[in-house]
Amino acid sequence: MDRERAYEILNKYVKGEDYILHSEAVEAIMRKLALKFDPSNEEVWGTAGLLHDLDEETVDWRNDMSLHGPASIELLKKEEFGNEIIYNAILAHNPINGYKAKSPIEICLLSADPMSGFIMGIAKGYPDKKLKSVKVSSILKRFKEARYCRSANREYMLAIEKLGLSLEEFATLALEALCEIDEKLNL
């Protein structure tokens, strides 16, 4: 996979800076997860993370969530980019479209997507707004607070446990991944 080409495609279809940063955050977590579960395919995992929301601004997913994912695959095929592993992972990150996560990359993308926003949301609530100020204990505490960041699907985040990774281990890994790109994320 060519990360430069993937980034060009992302920027062709996604213009909102927050969406771009979210995509890069998910990419970072997916790369870290790949090193744990499938090191020889880190580029594929990272690409799936980077492009998982490619259709964010091209379909009306707020009114029909089933469009989110399949439309990204159509865009990638139009660009003649990606493969079935990436396509299936992108589909799996939104089970509402009918595709359920089965493989490790699919389960990881399902979990990484909401975890990225959850951790970044915690950092934004801190006085210094820095990821390096976030502690894993804070992530776990906030996770238990149902009213905190309701949009972050906790069931999806917990899907990682199917791969033998505890929530605490996942939170640690995800926080490390995000801290590695904190300057890019402006956090």
C-alpha atoms as a PDB file:
ATOM      1  CA  MET A   1       0.000   0.000   0.000  1.00  0.00           C
ATOM      2  CA  ASP A   2       1.165   3.480  -0.831  1.00  0.00           C
ATOM      3  CA  ARG A   3       0.489   5.798   2.113  1.00  0.00           C
ATOM      4  CA  GLU A   4       1.131   8.902   0.011  1.00  0.00           C
ATOM      5  CA  ARG A   5      -1.497   7.841  -2.544  1.00  0.00           C
ATOM      6  CA  ALA A   6      -3.950   6.962   0.249  1.00  0.00           C
ATOM      7  CA  TYR A   7      -3.467  10.413   1.763  1.00  0.00           C
ATOM      8  CA  GLU A   8      -4.070  12.059  -1.639  1.00  0.00           C
ATOM      9  CA  ILE A   9      -7.329  10.121  -1.984  1.00  0.00           C
ATOM     10  CA  LEU A  10      -8.369  11.083   1.545  1.00  0.00           C
ATOM     11  CA  ASN A  11      -7.782  14.769   0.800  1.00  0.00           C
ATOM     12  CA  LYS A  12      -9.613  14.526  -2.519  1.00  0.00           C
ATOM     13  CA  TYR A  13     -12.859  13.438  -0.845  1.00  0.00           C
ATOM     14  CA  VAL A  14     -12.541  14.796   2.697  1.00  0.00           C
ATOM     15  CA  LYS A  15     -12.073  18.524   3.209  1.00  0.00           C
ATOM     16  CA  GLY A  16     -12.899  19.045   6.891  1.00  0.00           C
ATOM     17  CA  GLU A  17      -9.758  19.314   8.998  1.00  0.00           C
ATOM     18  CA  ASP A  18     -11.386  17.512  11.944  1.00  0.00           C
ATOM     19  CA  TYR A  19     -12.229  14.543   9.702  1.00  0.00           C
ATOM     20  CA  ILE A  20      -8.672  14.441   8.364  1.00  0.00           C
ATOM     21  CA  LEU A  21      -7.231  14.524  11.890  1.00  0.00           C
ATOM     22  CA  HIS A  22      -9.652  11.823  13.014  1.00  0.00           C
ATOM     23  CA  SER A  23      -8.573   9.661  10.074  1.00  0.00           C
ATOM     24  CA  GLU A  24      -4.916  10.114  10.974  1.00  0.00           C
ATOM     25  CA  ALA A  25      -5.656   9.271  14.604  1.00  0.00           C
ATOM     26  CA  VAL A  26      -7.391   6.036  13.639  1.00  0.00           C
ATOM     27  CA  GLU A  27      -4.513   5.253  11.277  1.00  0.00           C
ATOM     28  CA  ALA A  28      -2.013   5.641  14.135  1.00  0.00           C
ATOM     29  CA  ILE A  29      -3.983   3.304  16.391  1.00  0.00           C
ATOM     30  CA  MET A  30      -4.406   0.762  13.587  1.00  0.00           C
ATOM     31  CA  ARG A  31      -0.668   0.769  12.894  1.00  0.00           C
ATOM     32  CA  LYS A  32       0.025   0.106  16.568  1.00  0.00           C
ATOM     33  CA  LEU A  33      -2.559  -2.693  16.608  1.00  0.00           C
ATOM     34  CA  ALA A  34      -1.021  -4.188  13.457  1.00  0.00           C
ATOM     35  CA  LEU A  35       2.342  -4.398  15.212  1.00  0.00           C
ATOM     36  CA  LYS A  36       0.628  -6.507  17.863  1.00  0.00           C
ATOM     37  CA  PHE A  37      -1.593  -8.709  15.695  1.00  0.00           C
ATOM     38  CA  ASP A  38      -0.211  -8.716  12.132  1.00  0.00           C
ATOM     39  CA  PRO A  39       3.180  -6.945  11.864  1.00  0.00           C
ATOM     40  CA  SER A  40       3.817  -7.877   8.251  1.00  0.00           C
ATOM     41  CA  ASN A  41       0.660  -6.016   7.195  1.00  0.00           C
ATOM     42  CA  GLU A  42       1.120  -2.729   9.048  1.00  0.00           C
ATOM     43  CA  GLU A  43       0.658  -0.698   5.846  1.00  0.00           C
ATOM     44  CA  VAL A  44      -2.638  -2.406   5.028  1.00  0.00           C
ATOM     45  CA  TRP A  45      -3.926  -1.849   8.567  1.00  0.00           C
ATOM     46  CA  GLY A  46      -2.798   1.784   8.564  1.00  0.00           C
ATOM     47  CA  THR A  47      -4.407   2.396   5.185  1.00  0.00           C
ATOM     48  CA  ALA A  48      -7.705   0.927   6.378  1.00  0.00           C
ATOM     49  CA  GLY A  49      -7.586   3.287   9.364  1.00  0.00           C
ATOM     50  CA  LEU A  50      -6.704   6.315   7.254  1.00  0.00           C
ATOM     51  CA  LEU A  51      -9.481   5.718   4.713  1.00  0.00           C
ATOM     52  CA  HIS A  52     -12.228   4.312   6.950  1.00  0.00           C
ATOM     53  CA  ASP A  53     -14.345   7.503   6.757  1.00  0.00           C
ATOM     54  CA  LEU A  54     -13.603   8.376   3.138  1.00  0.00           C
ATOM     55  CA  ASP A  55     -17.320   8.876   2.405  1.00  0.00           C
ATOM     56  CA  GLU A  56     -17.845  11.146   5.426  1.00  0.00           C
ATOM     57  CA  GLU A  57     -18.640  14.199   3.310  1.00  0.00           C
ATOM     58  CA  THR A  58     -20.029  12.517   0.185  1.00  0.00           C
ATOM     59  CA  VAL A  59     -23.048  10.605   1.513  1.00  0.00           C
ATOM     60  CA  ASP A  60     -25.919  11.579   3.776  1.00  0.00           C
ATOM     61  CA  TRP A  61     -25.022   9.043   6.455  1.00  0.00           C
ATOM     62  CA  ARG A  62     -26.722  11.060   9.179  1.00  0.00           C
ATOM     63  CA  ASN A  63     -30.085  10.190   7.589  1.00  0.00           C
ATOM     64  CA  ASP A  64     -29.091   6.725   6.356  1.00  0.00           C
ATOM     65  CA  MET A  65     -26.189   5.212   8.265  1.00  0.00           C
ATOM     66  CA  SER A  66     -26.278   2.099   6.054  1.00  0.00           C
ATOM     67  CA  LEU A  67     -24.601   4.180   3.311  1.00  0.00           C
ATOM     68  CA  HIS A  68     -21.486   4.754   5.430  1.00  0.00           C
ATOM     69  CA  GLY A  69     -18.822   2.280   4.365  1.00  0.00           C
ATOM     70  CA  PRO A  70     -20.232   0.969   1.101  1.00  0.00           C
ATOM     71  CA  ALA A  71     -19.879   4.448  -0.411  1.00  0.00           C
ATOM     72  CA  SER A  72     -16.213   4.539   0.658  1.00  0.00           C
ATOM     73  CA  ILE A  73     -15.626   1.251  -1.159  1.00  0.00           C
ATOM     74  CA  GLU A  74     -17.181   2.689  -4.315  1.00  0.00           C
ATOM     75  CA  LEU A  75     -14.843   5.701  -4.104  1.00  0.00           C
ATOM     76  CA  LEU A  76     -11.799   3.485  -3.587  1.00  0.00           C
ATOM     77  CA  LYS A  77     -12.726   1.267  -6.520  1.00  0.00           C
ATOM     78  CA  LYS A  78     -13.216   4.376  -8.663  1.00  0.00           C
ATOM     79  CA  GLU A  79      -9.690   5.415  -7.650  1.00  0.00           C
ATOM     80  CA  GLU A  80      -8.457   1.859  -8.340  1.00  0.00           C
ATOM     81  CA  PHE A  81      -7.022   1.711  -4.836  1.00  0.00           C
ATOM     82  CA  GLY A  82      -7.199  -0.806  -2.017  1.00  0.00           C
ATOM     83  CA  ASN A  83      -8.028  -4.479  -1.739  1.00  0.00           C
ATOM     84  CA  GLU A  84     -10.655  -6.768  -0.230  1.00  0.00           C
ATOM     85  CA  ILE A  85      -8.976  -6.730   3.195  1.00  0.00           C
ATOM     86  CA  ILE A  86      -9.187  -2.929   3.356  1.00  0.00           C
ATOM     87  CA  TYR A  87     -12.688  -2.868   1.887  1.00  0.00           C
ATOM     88  CA  ASN A  88     -13.985  -5.395   4.425  1.00  0.00           C
ATOM     89  CA  ALA A  89     -12.349  -3.567   7.337  1.00  0.00           C
ATOM     90  CA  ILE A  90     -13.973  -0.306   6.220  1.00  0.00           C
ATOM     91  CA  LEU A  91     -17.344  -2.034   5.944  1.00  0.00           C
ATOM     92  CA  ALA A  92     -16.895  -3.654   9.366  1.00  0.00           C
ATOM     93  CA  HIS A  93     -16.291  -0.379  11.195  1.00  0.00           C
ATOM     94  CA  ASN A  94     -20.003   0.406  10.693  1.00  0.00           C
ATOM     95  CA  PRO A  95     -22.074  -2.732  11.379  1.00  0.00           C
ATOM     96  CA  ILE A  96     -25.264  -0.792  10.543  1.00  0.00           C
ATOM     97  CA  ASN A  97     -24.473  -1.350   6.858  1.00  0.00           C
ATOM     98  CA  GLY A  98     -24.943  -5.094   7.444  1.00  0.00           C
ATOM     99  CA  TYR A  99     -21.318  -6.233   7.477  1.00  0.00           C
ATOM    100  CA  LYS A 100     -20.130  -7.647  10.810  1.00  0.00           C
ATOM    101  CA  ALA A 101     -16.490  -7.611  11.925  1.00  0.00           C
ATOM    102  CA  LYS A 102     -14.892 -11.051  11.871  1.00  0.00           C
ATOM    103  CA  SER A 103     -11.158 -10.849  11.182  1.00  0.00           C
ATOM    104  CA  PRO A 104      -8.626  -9.168  13.490  1.00  0.00           C
ATOM    105  CA  ILE A 105      -8.224  -6.111  11.212  1.00  0.00           C
ATOM    106  CA  GLU A 106     -12.006  -5.693  11.048  1.00  0.00           C
ATOM    107  CA  ILE A 107     -12.452  -5.982  14.813  1.00  0.00           C
ATOM    108  CA  CYS A 108      -9.566  -3.592  15.423  1.00  0.00           C
ATOM    109  CA  LEU A 109     -10.952  -0.926  13.093  1.00  0.00           C
ATOM    110  CA  LEU A 110     -14.391  -1.272  14.694  1.00  0.00           C
ATOM    111  CA  SER A 111     -12.741  -0.624  18.089  1.00  0.00           C
ATOM    112  CA  ALA A 112     -10.136   1.960  17.065  1.00  0.00           C
ATOM    113  CA  ASP A 113     -12.597   4.350  15.440  1.00  0.00           C
ATOM    114  CA  PRO A 114     -14.540   5.279  18.598  1.00  0.00           C
ATOM    115  CA  MET A 115     -11.502   4.943  20.884  1.00  0.00           C
ATOM    116  CA  SER A 116      -9.622   7.639  18.953  1.00  0.00           C
ATOM    117  CA  GLY A 117     -12.386  10.184  19.433  1.00  0.00           C
ATOM    118  CA  PHE A 118     -12.917   9.147  23.034  1.00  0.00           C
ATOM    119  CA  ILE A 119      -9.287   9.732  24.013  1.00  0.00           C
ATOM    120  CA  MET A 120      -9.009  12.951  22.017  1.00  0.00           C
ATOM    121  CA  GLY A 121     -12.193  14.188  23.711  1.00  0.00           C
ATOM    122  CA  ILE A 122     -10.654  13.554  27.122  1.00  0.00           C
ATOM    123  CA  ALA A 123      -7.514  15.493  26.133  1.00  0.00           C
ATOM    124  CA  LYS A 124      -9.594  18.434  24.889  1.00  0.00           C
ATOM    125  CA  GLY A 125     -11.233  18.620  28.310  1.00  0.00           C
ATOM    126  CA  TYR A 126      -7.924  19.082  30.101  1.00  0.00           C
ATOM    127  CA  PRO A 127      -6.673  22.610  30.865  1.00  0.00           C
ATOM    128  CA  ASP A 128      -3.571  22.147  28.679  1.00  0.00           C
ATOM    129  CA  LYS A 129      -5.488  20.162  26.013  1.00  0.00           C
ATOM    130  CA  LYS A 130      -2.554  17.732  25.643  1.00  0.00           C
ATOM    131  CA  LEU A 131      -2.710  13.998  24.971  1.00  0.00           C
ATOM    132  CA  LYS A 132       0.409  13.517  27.088  1.00  0.00           C
ATOM    133  CA  SER A 133      -1.588  14.692  30.113  1.00  0.00           C
ATOM    134  CA  VAL A 134      -4.153  11.904  29.673  1.00  0.00           C
ATOM    135  CA  LYS A 135      -3.721   8.864  31.900  1.00  0.00           C
ATOM    136  CA  VAL A 136      -5.041   5.405  31.143  1.00  0.00           C
ATOM    137  CA  SER A 137      -6.848   5.497  34.494  1.00  0.00           C
ATOM    138  CA  SER A 138      -8.750   8.582  33.267  1.00  0.00           C
ATOM    139  CA  ILE A 139      -9.764   6.773  30.078  1.00  0.00           C
ATOM    140  CA  LEU A 140     -11.057   3.799  32.079  1.00  0.00           C
ATOM    141  CA  LYS A 141     -12.883   6.075  34.540  1.00  0.00           C
ATOM    142  CA  ARG A 142     -14.571   8.051  31.753  1.00  0.00           C
ATOM    143  CA  PHE A 143     -15.410   4.826  29.936  1.00  0.00           C
ATOM    144  CA  LYS A 144     -17.594   3.804  32.898  1.00  0.00           C
ATOM    145  CA  GLU A 145     -19.446   7.138  32.821  1.00  0.00           C
ATOM    146  CA  ALA A 146     -22.287   6.457  30.378  1.00  0.00           C
ATOM    147  CA  ARG A 147     -23.068  10.158  30.035  1.00  0.00           C
ATOM    148  CA  TYR A 148     -19.517  11.058  29.021  1.00  0.00           C
ATOM    149  CA  CYS A 149     -18.976  11.176  25.247  1.00  0.00           C
ATOM    150  CA  ARG A 150     -22.144   9.223  24.439  1.00  0.00           C
ATOM    151  CA  SER A 151     -21.352   9.154  20.740  1.00  0.00           C
ATOM    152  CA  ALA A 152     -18.303   6.913  21.340  1.00  0.00           C
ATOM    153  CA  ASN A 153     -19.764   3.426  21.036  1.00  0.00           C
ATOM    154  CA  ARG A 154     -18.486   1.497  24.041  1.00  0.00           C
ATOM    155  CA  GLU A 155     -19.711  -1.829  22.656  1.00  0.00           C
ATOM    156  CA  TYR A 156     -17.527  -1.305  19.593  1.00  0.00           C
ATOM    157  CA  MET A 157     -14.530  -0.383  21.738  1.00  0.00           C
ATOM    158  CA  LEU A 158     -15.009  -3.530  23.822  1.00  0.00           C
ATOM    159  CA  ALA A 159     -15.048  -5.691  20.692  1.00  0.00           C
ATOM    160  CA  ILE A 160     -11.242  -5.646  20.973  1.00  0.00           C
ATOM    161  CA  GLU A 161     -11.587  -8.121  23.839  1.00  0.00           C
ATOM    162  CA  LYS A 162     -12.521 -10.785  21.257  1.00  0.00           C
ATOM    163  CA  LEU A 163      -8.847 -10.696  20.292  1.00  0.00           C
ATOM    164  CA  GLY A 164      -7.640 -11.188  23.862  1.00  0.00           C
ATOM    165  CA  LEU A 165      -6.767  -7.547  24.486  1.00  0.00           C
ATOM    166  CA  SER A 166      -8.278  -6.046  27.630  1.00  0.00           C
ATOM    167  CA  LEU A 167      -9.841  -2.598  27.606  1.00  0.00           C
ATOM    168  CA  GLU A 168      -6.952  -1.322  29.737  1.00  0.00           C
ATOM    169  CA  GLU A 169      -4.360  -2.764  27.337  1.00  0.00           C
ATOM    170  CA  PHE A 170      -6.238  -1.302  24.380  1.00  0.00           C
ATOM    171  CA  ALA A 171      -6.532   2.122  26.029  1.00  0.00           C
ATOM    172  CA  THR A 172      -2.788   2.062  26.763  1.00  0.00           C
ATOM    173  CA  LEU A 173      -1.908   1.108  23.189  1.00  0.00           C
ATOM    174  CA  ALA A 174      -4.290   3.678  21.679  1.00  0.00           C
ATOM    175  CA  LEU A 175      -3.042   6.469  23.942  1.00  0.00           C
ATOM    176  CA  GLU A 176       0.573   5.652  23.042  1.00  0.00           C
ATOM    177  CA  ALA A 177      -0.302   5.730  19.325  1.00  0.00           C
ATOM    178  CA  LEU A 178      -2.011   9.111  19.623  1.00  0.00           C
ATOM    179  CA  CYS A 179       0.807  10.588  21.724  1.00  0.00           C
ATOM    180  CA  GLU A 180       3.225   9.651  18.931  1.00  0.00           C
ATOM    181  CA  ILE A 181       1.363  12.008  16.566  1.00  0.00           C
ATOM    182  CA  ASP A 182       0.209  14.570  19.143  1.00  0.00           C
ATOM    183  CA  GLU A 183       1.785  17.512  17.300  1.00  0.00           C
ATOM    184  CA  LYS A 184       0.002  16.572  14.068  1.00  0.00           C
ATOM    185  CA  LEU A 185      -3.264  16.326  16.034  1.00  0.00           C
ATOM    186  CA  ASN A 186      -2.631  19.667  17.780  1.00  0.00           C
ATOM    187  CA  LEU A 187      -3.163  17.976  21.121  1.00  0.00           C
END
